[in-house]
N, C-alpha and C. Protein backbone atom coordinates (compact mmCIF):
# COMPACT_ATOMS: atom_id res chain seq x y z
N MET A 1 -234.38 59.30 -74.32
CA MET A 1 -235.47 60.19 -75.34
C MET A 1 -235.98 59.65 -75.95
N PRO A 2 -237.31 60.11 -76.20
CA PRO A 2 -238.36 59.83 -77.18
C PRO A 2 -237.94 59.77 -78.63
N THR A 3 -238.32 59.00 -79.47
CA THR A 3 -238.24 59.11 -80.81
C THR A 3 -239.40 60.06 -81.48
N ILE A 4 -238.73 60.40 -82.72
CA ILE A 4 -239.72 61.47 -83.37
C ILE A 4 -241.08 61.23 -83.67
N SER A 5 -241.40 60.01 -83.97
CA SER A 5 -242.46 59.29 -83.82
C SER A 5 -243.27 59.32 -82.61
N ARG A 6 -242.51 58.99 -81.62
CA ARG A 6 -243.19 59.05 -80.14
C ARG A 6 -243.68 60.52 -79.76
N LYS A 7 -242.78 61.44 -80.20
CA LYS A 7 -243.26 62.86 -79.59
C LYS A 7 -244.44 63.09 -80.63
N LYS A 8 -244.39 62.78 -81.83
CA LYS A 8 -245.86 63.34 -82.74
C LYS A 8 -246.60 62.44 -82.11
N THR A 9 -247.15 61.19 -81.52
CA THR A 9 -248.10 60.65 -80.98
C THR A 9 -248.30 61.32 -79.71
N ASP A 10 -247.24 61.61 -79.23
CA ASP A 10 -247.61 62.37 -77.90
C ASP A 10 -248.23 63.61 -77.70
N VAL A 11 -247.79 64.42 -79.06
CA VAL A 11 -248.19 65.85 -79.20
C VAL A 11 -249.98 65.20 -80.11
N LYS A 12 -250.25 64.45 -80.53
CA LYS A 12 -251.66 64.09 -80.89
C LYS A 12 -252.38 63.83 -79.97
N SER A 13 -251.73 62.60 -78.89
CA SER A 13 -252.89 62.35 -78.01
C SER A 13 -253.11 63.72 -76.91
N ARG A 14 -252.30 64.27 -76.72
CA ARG A 14 -252.26 65.58 -75.78
C ARG A 14 -253.08 66.55 -76.28
N ALA A 15 -253.14 66.58 -77.76
CA ALA A 15 -254.05 67.72 -78.24
C ALA A 15 -255.37 67.04 -78.46
N ILE A 16 -255.69 65.83 -78.39
CA ILE A 16 -257.30 65.25 -78.49
C ILE A 16 -257.42 65.29 -77.04
N ARG A 17 -256.90 65.35 -76.06
CA ARG A 17 -257.14 65.59 -74.95
C ARG A 17 -257.62 67.01 -74.38
N LEU A 18 -256.95 68.02 -75.07
CA LEU A 18 -256.81 69.24 -74.71
C LEU A 18 -258.38 69.75 -75.10
N ILE A 19 -258.66 69.09 -76.39
CA ILE A 19 -259.80 69.49 -77.26
C ILE A 19 -261.08 68.64 -76.76
N ARG A 20 -260.82 67.79 -76.07
CA ARG A 20 -261.82 66.86 -74.97
C ARG A 20 -262.30 67.51 -73.88
N ASP A 21 -261.17 68.17 -73.38
CA ASP A 21 -261.06 68.95 -72.22
C ASP A 21 -261.89 70.64 -72.36
N LEU A 22 -262.21 70.97 -73.60
CA LEU A 22 -262.50 72.17 -73.85
C LEU A 22 -264.17 72.31 -73.54
N PRO A 23 -265.05 73.49 -72.94
CA PRO A 23 -265.92 73.14 -72.54
C PRO A 23 -267.15 73.17 -74.26
N THR A 24 -268.11 72.89 -74.16
CA THR A 24 -268.74 72.77 -75.41
C THR A 24 -268.96 74.14 -76.22
N ASP A 25 -269.00 75.16 -75.94
CA ASP A 25 -269.05 76.23 -76.15
C ASP A 25 -268.03 77.29 -76.77
N SER A 26 -267.25 76.67 -76.84
CA SER A 26 -265.56 76.98 -76.79
C SER A 26 -265.18 77.25 -78.59
N SER A 27 -264.79 78.53 -78.74
CA SER A 27 -264.28 79.51 -79.79
C SER A 27 -262.80 78.32 -80.46
N TRP A 28 -262.71 78.78 -81.59
CA TRP A 28 -261.37 78.49 -82.21
C TRP A 28 -260.52 79.39 -81.72
N ASP A 29 -260.72 80.53 -80.87
CA ASP A 29 -259.91 81.47 -80.31
C ASP A 29 -259.47 80.72 -78.68
N ASP A 30 -260.54 80.28 -78.15
CA ASP A 30 -260.34 79.37 -76.90
C ASP A 30 -259.22 78.50 -77.13
N LEU A 31 -259.56 77.65 -78.20
CA LEU A 31 -258.45 76.45 -78.54
C LEU A 31 -257.07 76.83 -78.91
N MET A 32 -256.97 77.89 -79.32
CA MET A 32 -255.66 78.44 -79.85
C MET A 32 -254.80 79.20 -78.73
N TYR A 33 -255.76 79.63 -77.71
CA TYR A 33 -255.18 80.15 -76.63
C TYR A 33 -254.43 79.11 -76.01
N ARG A 34 -255.14 77.80 -75.46
CA ARG A 34 -254.79 76.70 -75.10
C ARG A 34 -253.64 75.99 -75.38
N ILE A 35 -253.60 75.85 -76.67
CA ILE A 35 -252.68 75.15 -77.15
C ILE A 35 -251.37 76.33 -77.19
N TYR A 36 -251.34 77.67 -77.00
CA TYR A 36 -250.24 78.38 -77.09
C TYR A 36 -249.67 78.36 -75.80
N VAL A 37 -250.76 78.28 -74.57
CA VAL A 37 -250.32 78.17 -73.10
C VAL A 37 -249.62 77.03 -72.90
N ARG A 38 -250.29 75.72 -73.60
CA ARG A 38 -249.44 74.50 -73.15
C ARG A 38 -248.08 74.72 -73.98
N GLN A 39 -248.18 75.04 -75.11
CA GLN A 39 -246.60 75.17 -75.96
C GLN A 39 -245.42 75.77 -74.67
N LYS A 40 -246.17 77.17 -74.47
CA LYS A 40 -245.22 78.09 -73.36
C LYS A 40 -244.30 77.58 -72.55
N ILE A 41 -245.63 76.36 -71.28
CA ILE A 41 -245.30 75.69 -70.48
C ILE A 41 -244.43 74.49 -70.68
N GLU A 42 -244.76 74.08 -71.99
CA GLU A 42 -243.58 72.64 -72.18
C GLU A 42 -242.03 73.53 -72.40
N THR A 43 -242.24 74.24 -73.27
CA THR A 43 -240.94 75.31 -73.66
C THR A 43 -239.96 75.33 -72.22
N GLY A 44 -241.06 76.08 -71.31
CA GLY A 44 -240.56 76.48 -70.05
C GLY A 44 -239.94 75.54 -69.20
N LEU A 45 -240.62 74.50 -69.47
CA LEU A 45 -239.99 73.39 -68.66
C LEU A 45 -238.88 72.52 -69.06
N ALA A 46 -238.85 72.47 -70.38
CA ALA A 46 -237.66 71.74 -71.13
C ALA A 46 -236.42 73.10 -70.93
N ASP A 47 -236.54 74.08 -70.64
CA ASP A 47 -235.65 75.17 -70.36
C ASP A 47 -235.21 74.85 -69.00
N VAL A 48 -236.03 74.58 -68.10
CA VAL A 48 -235.50 74.21 -66.62
C VAL A 48 -234.79 73.12 -66.69
N ARG A 49 -235.43 71.79 -67.41
CA ARG A 49 -234.38 70.79 -67.63
C ARG A 49 -233.42 70.55 -68.17
N ALA A 50 -233.01 71.83 -68.85
CA ALA A 50 -231.70 71.84 -69.45
C ALA A 50 -231.12 72.78 -68.92
N GLY A 51 -231.36 73.24 -67.90
CA GLY A 51 -230.60 74.26 -66.87
C GLY A 51 -230.42 75.82 -67.39
N ARG A 52 -231.34 75.89 -68.19
CA ARG A 52 -231.50 77.46 -68.85
C ARG A 52 -232.16 78.15 -68.18
N THR A 53 -231.95 78.49 -67.12
CA THR A 53 -232.53 79.67 -65.76
C THR A 53 -231.82 80.61 -65.57
N ARG A 54 -232.35 81.54 -65.16
CA ARG A 54 -231.59 82.73 -64.85
C ARG A 54 -232.19 82.92 -63.31
N SER A 55 -231.62 83.47 -62.24
CA SER A 55 -232.10 83.70 -61.43
C SER A 55 -233.03 85.06 -61.23
N HIS A 56 -233.76 85.22 -60.12
CA HIS A 56 -234.98 86.41 -60.14
C HIS A 56 -234.02 87.50 -59.92
N GLU A 57 -232.83 87.51 -59.07
CA GLU A 57 -232.08 89.18 -58.98
C GLU A 57 -231.47 89.41 -60.46
N SER A 58 -230.74 88.58 -61.24
CA SER A 58 -230.33 88.97 -62.26
C SER A 58 -231.20 89.42 -63.44
N ILE A 59 -232.46 89.28 -63.41
CA ILE A 59 -233.52 89.57 -64.20
C ILE A 59 -233.66 91.17 -63.38
N ARG A 60 -233.97 91.03 -62.52
CA ARG A 60 -233.98 92.58 -61.80
C ARG A 60 -232.87 93.30 -61.87
N ARG A 61 -232.02 92.96 -61.83
CA ARG A 61 -230.52 93.17 -62.47
C ARG A 61 -230.77 94.32 -64.17
N GLU A 62 -231.19 93.44 -64.67
CA GLU A 62 -231.15 93.49 -66.14
C GLU A 62 -232.21 94.48 -66.36
N PHE A 63 -233.25 94.40 -65.83
CA PHE A 63 -234.05 95.91 -65.99
C PHE A 63 -234.54 96.80 -64.85
N LYS A 64 -233.50 96.58 -64.41
CA LYS A 64 -233.02 97.70 -63.28
C LYS A 64 -234.29 98.03 -62.52
N VAL A 65 -234.93 97.13 -61.81
CA VAL A 65 -236.10 97.00 -60.94
C VAL A 65 -235.75 96.77 -59.72
N ALA A 66 -236.04 97.83 -58.82
CA ALA A 66 -235.60 97.79 -57.33
C ALA A 66 -235.91 96.74 -56.68
């Protein structure tokens, strides 16, 4: 498991890469959206790795979708 300082370095380097990949005419909102999406993807992947998943069928039952 990475140490806290390693995680911070990873976040910093990924943020720098994310900023570099933005088009030059990007707005602050564009940057914030990309950060938000990246965070949600990483949270979802961490949930999958930790086994925190549910079947498609259980979600359909919960929301009573045919």
